[in-house]
Amino acid sequence: MGGDTIISVVIGNSRTQIYLLPSILLLLIESNSNIIKTHVMNSHPSTNPNAWSPLPPPLEEFAFRIVFPIIFINLIGTAFGFWYYLPQLSTEPYIMWPFVPDSPMATLFFALSLGLWKMGKNSIWISSIAFIGCIKLGLWTPYVLLIFFSDFSYLHPLMYHFLFWSHLAMVLQAFLIFRYTSFTLASILVGFSWHIFNDVVDYFIPIFGSPHHTWLPSEIVGGAISHTVPAHDLAAIGAIILTFISLALLIVSFFITSTKS
């Protein structure tokens, strides 16, 4: 395919080719822009009535009345998540830490997104990463908790339900971002690139050592994590599909908001 880079990966017994366009890297940052630079949409925080969101208006109104408690809860969840991942983080090189505790990173990005908006500044880059992360991980965790239900029997029922429902809440809060962020195609590409890269190193092509995805009890064989069992493939398929579903939702929001503006 011309100048494309072709990477072959194996999922189970099947071989898949991933085409990575070198030019994508050039599009991650708009010309003369800094990727972490904030994009000021309003001098004061406000919401966009033209934005599309599936949340009921009363729920949205309530959420925007308790912004600081929501930020605080997400930061507490982030801290708890990093604590939960400590055993796995202890085996990972420091450079990969941002790509191991996926859910805690998603809630951290969401807290940053909401906090910047509340201060009158909104980073479309952070918001894009936050939205995809909250949708993707908010659904992926309940997905693996359900399909590998028997393997999570070691969890206390309260912990199981806490993990299940708290992650679903991430999906709801993600749609708040639509009300205060007008995404550009470049910002959508940045968010997607972050998460698809995460999927690649998590399941297919680890940068250091073995794949960096969340340890699953269903992958434990002989006391060690095995990435050749069907559970690995099921987790990978779920992550990839949810990444693209999240991307589709961002694109829908972009076109609906553009049309109404």
Foldseek 3Di string as FASTA:
>chain_A
DPPWDWDWWDQQHDIDIDTDRPCLVVLLAPPPGDLPDWDQDFQAFDWDPLFDFPDDVVVLVVCVVPLPVLLVVLQVVLVVLCVVCVVVVVVDPPVCVCLFSLLSNLSNLLSVQSVCSRNRIGHLQSLLLNLLSLQLQLPLQLVLCVVVVVLCPVDDPVVSVCSNVVSVVSNVSNRSSRTGDQHDPSSNSNNLVVQVVSLCQQQTNPPDDHHRYHDGSVQQDPNDGDNNDVSSSVSSVSNVVSSVVSSVVSVVRNVSSVVVD
